[in-house]
Protein backbone atom coordinates (compact mmCIF):
# COMPACT_ATOMS: atom_id res chain seq x y z
CA MET A 1 -157.86 177.81 149.68
CA ASN A 2 -155.94 180.31 147.58
CA TYR A 3 -152.53 179.99 145.90
CA TRP A 4 -149.81 182.63 145.90
CA ILE A 5 -146.35 183.52 144.62
CA PHE A 6 -144.13 185.18 147.24
CA THR A 7 -141.31 187.06 145.50
CA VAL A 8 -137.89 187.63 147.04
CA THR A 9 -135.15 189.69 145.42
CA GLN A 10 -131.92 191.31 146.52
CA ARG A 11 -132.52 194.15 149.00
CA ARG A 12 -130.35 197.22 149.32
CA VAL A 13 -130.95 200.00 151.85
CA ASP A 14 -128.46 202.59 153.10
CA GLY A 15 -125.45 200.64 151.81
CA GLU A 16 -126.61 197.35 153.31
CA THR A 17 -127.26 194.43 150.95
CA LEU A 18 -129.01 191.12 151.47
CA GLU A 19 -129.00 188.54 148.65
CA ALA A 20 -132.32 186.97 147.66
CA GLU A 21 -131.21 183.42 148.52
CA GLU A 22 -130.04 184.59 151.95
CA ILE A 23 -133.38 186.24 152.67
CA LEU A 24 -135.32 183.16 151.58
CA LYS A 25 -133.32 180.74 153.73
CA GLN A 26 -133.56 182.98 156.81
CA ARG A 27 -137.33 183.50 156.46
CA LEU A 28 -137.94 179.78 155.92
CA ALA A 29 -135.77 178.94 158.95
CA ASP A 30 -137.91 181.37 160.98
CA LYS A 31 -141.10 179.84 159.52
CA PHE A 32 -142.16 183.43 158.91
CA TRP A 33 -142.62 185.77 155.93
CA GLY A 34 -142.47 189.53 156.30
CA LEU A 35 -144.89 191.86 154.56
CA GLY A 36 -145.14 195.61 154.06
CA GLU A 37 -148.21 197.67 154.83
CA ARG A 38 -148.70 198.32 151.08
CA THR A 39 -147.77 194.84 149.84
CA PRO A 40 -150.39 193.89 147.21
CA ASN A 41 -152.85 191.24 148.42
CA ARG A 42 -151.59 191.37 152.03
CA ARG A 43 -155.07 191.42 153.53
CA SER A 44 -156.18 188.46 151.38
CA LEU A 45 -153.64 185.99 152.80
CA LYS A 46 -155.41 183.33 154.86
CA GLN A 47 -154.40 180.34 156.98
CA GLY A 48 -154.24 177.19 154.86
CA ASP A 49 -153.31 178.99 151.61
CA ARG A 50 -150.46 177.49 149.58
CA VAL A 51 -147.38 179.45 148.53
CA VAL A 52 -144.57 179.00 146.01
CA PHE A 53 -141.47 181.16 146.40
CA TYR A 54 -139.90 182.94 143.43
CA VAL A 55 -136.25 184.03 143.75
CA GLY A 56 -135.30 186.78 141.35
CA GLY A 57 -131.59 187.22 140.89
CA VAL A 58 -128.69 187.26 138.47
CA PRO A 59 -128.20 185.06 136.55
CA LEU A 60 -130.92 182.67 137.75
CA LYS A 61 -134.60 183.37 138.23
CA VAL A 62 -136.18 180.33 139.81
CA PHE A 63 -139.01 178.88 141.85
CA ALA A 64 -137.27 177.53 144.93
CA ALA A 65 -139.69 176.37 147.64
CA THR A 66 -143.27 175.84 148.75
CA ALA A 67 -145.09 176.29 152.06
CA THR A 68 -148.53 176.54 153.65
CA LEU A 69 -149.69 179.64 155.51
CA ALA A 70 -150.06 178.77 159.21
CA THR A 71 -151.83 182.07 159.94
CA ASP A 72 -153.68 184.91 158.29
CA SER A 73 -151.67 188.07 157.70
CA PHE A 74 -151.16 189.74 161.08
CA VAL A 75 -149.60 192.78 162.76
CA LEU A 76 -146.39 191.91 164.59
CA SER A 77 -145.88 192.72 168.26
CA ASP A 78 -142.75 194.55 169.36
CA GLU A 79 -141.28 191.24 170.56
CA GLN A 80 -141.98 189.60 167.18
CA ARG A 81 -140.44 192.53 165.30
CA ASP A 82 -137.26 192.11 167.31
CA ARG A 83 -137.21 188.33 166.98
CA TYR A 84 -137.70 188.16 163.20
CA SER A 85 -135.41 191.10 162.40
CA HIS A 86 -132.30 189.40 163.87
CA GLY A 87 -130.93 192.86 164.55
CA ILE A 88 -130.87 193.64 160.82
CA PRO A 89 -132.98 196.66 159.73
CA LEU A 90 -133.75 195.13 156.31
CA TYR A 91 -135.56 192.25 158.03
CA ARG A 92 -137.66 194.45 160.30
CA VAL A 93 -141.34 194.57 159.23
CA ASP A 94 -144.69 195.41 160.76
CA TYR A 95 -146.77 192.66 159.09
CA GLY A 96 -146.29 189.02 158.23
CA VAL A 97 -147.55 185.44 158.10
CA LEU A 98 -146.31 182.25 159.77
CA LEU A 99 -145.39 179.28 157.58
CA GLU A 100 -145.63 175.49 157.91
CA ASP A 101 -145.13 172.44 155.67
CA ILE A 102 -142.07 174.13 154.19
CA GLU A 103 -140.23 172.43 151.34
CA LEU A 104 -136.99 173.99 150.07
CA TRP A 105 -136.25 172.30 146.75
CA GLU A 106 -132.81 170.82 146.20
CA SER A 107 -133.19 171.60 142.51
CA PRO A 108 -134.90 174.98 141.93
CA ARG A 109 -137.10 175.22 138.86
CA LEU A 110 -136.11 177.66 136.15
CA VAL A 111 -138.91 180.12 135.49
CA LYS A 112 -138.11 180.49 131.78
CA GLU A 113 -138.77 176.77 131.26
CA LEU A 114 -142.28 177.08 132.69
CA ILE A 115 -143.29 180.43 131.15
CA PRO A 116 -145.07 178.88 128.09
CA ALA A 117 -147.38 176.93 130.42
CA LEU A 118 -148.15 179.69 132.92
CA LYS A 119 -151.43 181.24 131.81
CA PHE A 120 -151.25 184.26 134.12
CA ILE A 121 -148.25 185.50 132.11
CA GLU A 122 -149.82 186.90 128.98
CA ASN A 123 -146.72 188.74 127.77
CA LYS A 124 -144.27 185.85 127.41
CA GLU A 125 -141.42 188.03 126.14
CA ASN A 126 -141.41 190.45 129.06
CA TRP A 127 -142.46 188.13 131.85
CA GLY A 128 -140.32 189.70 134.59
CA ALA A 129 -142.94 192.38 135.27
CA TYR A 130 -145.32 189.70 136.56
CA PHE A 131 -143.06 189.01 139.54
CA GLN A 132 -143.00 192.53 140.96
CA GLY A 133 -144.69 193.48 144.17
CA GLY A 134 -144.01 190.69 146.65
CA VAL A 135 -147.30 188.73 146.55
CA ARG A 136 -149.26 187.55 143.51
CA GLN A 137 -152.30 185.29 143.45
CA LEU A 138 -152.29 182.17 141.26
CA SER A 139 -154.94 179.81 140.00
CA GLU A 140 -154.60 176.23 141.23
CA ASP A 141 -153.74 175.16 137.68
CA ASN A 142 -150.80 177.58 137.50
CA PHE A 143 -149.65 176.50 140.95
CA ARG A 144 -149.63 172.86 139.81
CA VAL A 145 -147.68 173.79 136.69
CA ILE A 146 -144.91 175.13 138.91
CA VAL A 147 -144.95 172.47 141.61
CA ASP A 148 -145.45 169.43 139.34
CA ARG A 149 -142.99 170.54 136.62
CA TYR A 150 -145.63 170.58 133.91
CA THR A 151 -144.39 169.71 130.40
CA LEU A 152 -145.96 171.40 127.37
CA PRO A 153 -147.40 169.23 124.59
CA PRO A 154 -145.80 169.48 121.13
CA ALA A 155 -146.69 172.57 119.10
CA GLU A 156 -149.58 172.16 116.68
CA PRO A 157 -148.45 171.97 113.03
CA ASN A 158 -149.92 173.66 109.98
CA LYS A 159 -151.12 176.91 111.51
CA THR A 160 -153.45 178.95 109.37
CA GLU A 161 -152.52 182.38 108.02
CA ASP A 162 -155.05 183.97 110.40
CA VAL A 163 -153.42 182.29 113.40
CA ILE A 164 -149.96 183.36 112.27
CA PHE A 165 -151.18 186.94 111.83
CA SER A 166 -152.76 186.95 115.28
CA GLU A 167 -149.55 185.71 116.87
CA SER A 168 -147.56 188.35 115.00
CA GLN A 169 -149.96 191.04 116.19
CA PHE A 170 -149.72 189.72 119.73
CA ALA A 171 -145.92 189.84 119.56
CA LEU A 172 -146.10 193.42 118.34
CA GLU A 173 -148.25 194.36 121.31
CA ALA A 174 -145.80 192.63 123.64
CA HIS A 175 -143.16 195.08 122.38
CA LEU A 176 -145.72 197.89 122.61
CA GLU A 177 -146.08 197.25 126.33
CA GLU A 178 -142.32 197.46 126.70
CA PHE A 179 -142.23 200.67 124.64
CA ILE A 180 -144.93 202.27 126.81
CA ASP A 181 -143.06 201.21 129.95
CA LYS A 182 -139.80 202.78 128.79
CA ASN A 183 -141.33 205.95 127.30
CA TRP A 184 -144.05 206.71 129.83
CA GLN A 185 -143.26 210.40 130.26
CA SER A 186 -143.44 211.16 126.53
CA ILE A 187 -146.78 209.43 125.83
CA ASP A 188 -150.02 211.44 125.67
CA PHE A 189 -152.74 209.46 127.47
CA GLY A 190 -155.10 212.44 127.44
CA ALA A 191 -154.37 212.99 131.13
CA ASN A 192 -151.32 213.27 133.37
CA LEU A 193 -151.08 209.65 134.51
CA VAL A 194 -148.74 208.51 137.25
CA ARG A 195 -147.88 204.85 137.70
CA TYR A 196 -149.35 203.40 140.91
CA GLU A 197 -146.41 202.10 142.91
CA MET A 198 -146.50 200.05 146.10
CA ASP A 199 -143.52 198.30 147.67
CA GLU A 200 -141.49 196.99 144.70
CA GLN A 201 -144.46 197.08 142.29
CA SER A 202 -144.06 199.66 139.51
CA GLY A 203 -147.70 199.67 138.37
CA ARG A 204 -146.92 197.46 135.36
CA GLN A 205 -148.63 194.05 135.35
CA PHE A 206 -150.20 195.03 138.66
CA PRO A 207 -151.62 191.97 140.50
CA ALA A 208 -155.42 192.13 140.80
CA GLY A 209 -156.54 188.84 142.28
CA THR A 210 -155.47 186.12 139.82
CA TRP A 211 -155.32 188.71 136.99
CA SER A 212 -152.74 191.28 135.94
CA ILE A 213 -153.49 194.87 134.94
CA ASP A 214 -151.15 196.02 132.15
CA PHE A 215 -150.67 199.43 133.80
CA LEU A 216 -152.39 200.72 136.94
CA CYS A 217 -152.16 204.47 137.30
CA THR A 218 -153.64 207.47 139.05
CA ASP A 219 -154.64 210.77 137.45
CA LYS A 220 -152.36 213.43 138.88
CA LEU A 221 -155.08 216.07 138.46
CA ASN A 222 -157.93 214.46 140.44
CA GLY A 223 -156.45 211.32 142.02
CA ASP A 224 -158.71 208.90 140.10
CA PHE A 225 -157.47 205.38 139.47
CA VAL A 226 -156.93 204.60 135.78
CA VAL A 227 -156.67 201.07 134.39
CA VAL A 228 -154.69 201.00 131.11
CA GLU A 229 -155.03 197.82 129.05
CA LEU A 230 -153.69 196.73 125.68
CA LYS A 231 -156.28 194.98 123.54
CA ARG A 232 -153.71 192.29 122.58
CA GLY A 233 -155.65 190.81 119.67
CA ARG A 234 -158.58 189.90 121.91
CA SER A 235 -162.16 190.29 120.75
CA SER A 236 -163.69 193.64 121.55
CA ASP A 237 -166.18 192.06 123.96
CA THR A 238 -163.35 190.34 125.82
CA ALA A 239 -161.32 193.54 126.02
CA ILE A 240 -164.28 195.52 127.39
CA GLY A 241 -165.17 192.80 129.90
CA GLN A 242 -161.59 192.60 131.06
CA VAL A 243 -161.10 196.31 131.65
CA LEU A 244 -164.46 196.56 133.47
CA ARG A 245 -163.49 193.60 135.65
CA TYR A 246 -160.19 195.24 136.56
CA MET A 247 -161.90 198.54 137.28
CA GLY A 248 -164.34 196.78 139.60
CA TRP A 249 -161.49 195.09 141.44
CA VAL A 250 -159.61 198.38 141.87
CA ALA A 251 -162.74 200.15 143.08
CA GLU A 252 -163.37 197.49 145.69
CA ASN A 253 -159.81 196.81 146.87
CA LEU A 254 -157.79 200.01 146.41
CA ALA A 255 -159.97 203.07 145.88
CA LYS A 256 -160.81 205.28 148.84
CA PRO A 257 -164.26 206.79 149.38
CA GLY A 258 -164.88 209.38 146.68
CA GLN A 259 -162.02 208.13 144.50
CA ASN A 260 -163.28 207.17 141.05
CA THR A 261 -161.94 204.50 138.68
CA ARG A 262 -161.87 204.67 134.92
CA GLY A 263 -160.31 202.67 132.09
CA ILE A 264 -158.31 203.17 128.90
CA ILE A 265 -158.08 200.54 126.17
CA ILE A 266 -155.16 200.85 123.76
CA ALA A 267 -155.90 199.17 120.42
CA LYS A 268 -154.37 198.99 116.96
CA ASP A 269 -157.70 200.02 115.47
CA ILE A 270 -161.37 200.31 116.44
CA ASP A 271 -163.96 197.97 114.95
CA ASP A 272 -167.73 198.42 115.22
CA SER A 273 -167.96 196.06 118.20
CA LEU A 274 -165.52 198.17 120.22
CA LYS A 275 -167.03 201.46 119.03
CA TYR A 276 -170.54 200.55 120.14
CA ALA A 277 -169.41 198.85 123.33
CA VAL A 278 -167.62 201.95 124.69
CA ARG A 279 -170.26 204.42 123.44
CA GLY A 280 -172.39 203.88 126.54
CA LEU A 281 -169.44 203.79 128.96
CA SER A 282 -168.49 207.25 130.13
CA ASN A 283 -165.65 205.90 132.28
CA VAL A 284 -163.92 203.90 129.53
CA SER A 285 -162.04 205.46 126.58
CA VAL A 286 -160.11 204.00 123.66
CA LEU A 287 -156.77 205.17 122.28
CA THR A 288 -155.25 203.88 119.05
CA TYR A 289 -151.63 203.70 118.03
CA LYS A 290 -149.68 203.30 114.79
CA VAL A 291 -146.27 201.93 114.02
CA ASP A 292 -144.23 204.44 112.05
CA PHE A 293 -141.48 202.69 110.08
CA LYS A 294 -139.24 204.71 107.76
CA LEU A 295 -136.16 204.07 105.64
CA PHE A 296 -133.54 206.75 105.03
CA PRO A 297 -130.72 206.75 102.44
CA PHE A 298 -127.20 206.27 103.73
CA GLU A 299 -125.16 209.45 103.29
CA ARG A 300 -121.72 208.56 101.90
């Protein structure tokens, strides 16, 4: 059994708008969930899997319901397309799953209250990117956090200076991710990288099984997939293992025959462990960054 988040947000096409809550209630009433051909993880959805539904809207962003998949992902017949579209183009899809054991919660659960306990969200400050793309796989532990309203234990007192520094560095890299996201076109990655977009997924925090790739891209010159990962204060061995794992997942699940996959690690600096680890990896490179902070006199 696998566990999933199904994301629903407001949809707008050709002047027509459907609110997220409206879409959720209609799909649950139909005991059906629509999927796009390029929805991440569509082919991995299996009968018996458990789902929690995330509703992204303004001002609330909540988990609102659970269900069990009554079928694998399947291709709809013409009759099913007509039935589940209700005559509304925004509802018309070519793929989907049937649902059972549906529970629509009377009191939706605020995502921001659960963020500290959700391990799949590494960047706690910019967590919205983790809910792009329609379907995201969860570990059972993270699923239980959401469903059982997990409460965090009290914070540990008396943190050491090293721990405080690590957390500060991690926070800096959280903002670095946001900076890269907003300034993509002006950053020199050593290649012309294009974010890999599918459905509503922008390529940032791209779902790869139960993991998230910081940025999944393609090289505009040769079409190769490129996994871009921030080191985030991890050990060098962990960072290398992580980027290689993501590259393997992309090669198996997304790459077409003859399409290569390579990785880029972005780090504050390079230690000996990282230097020697990447030396024998022709398909992994490392880029460093620096924070340039300047003060200028006020001109009266």
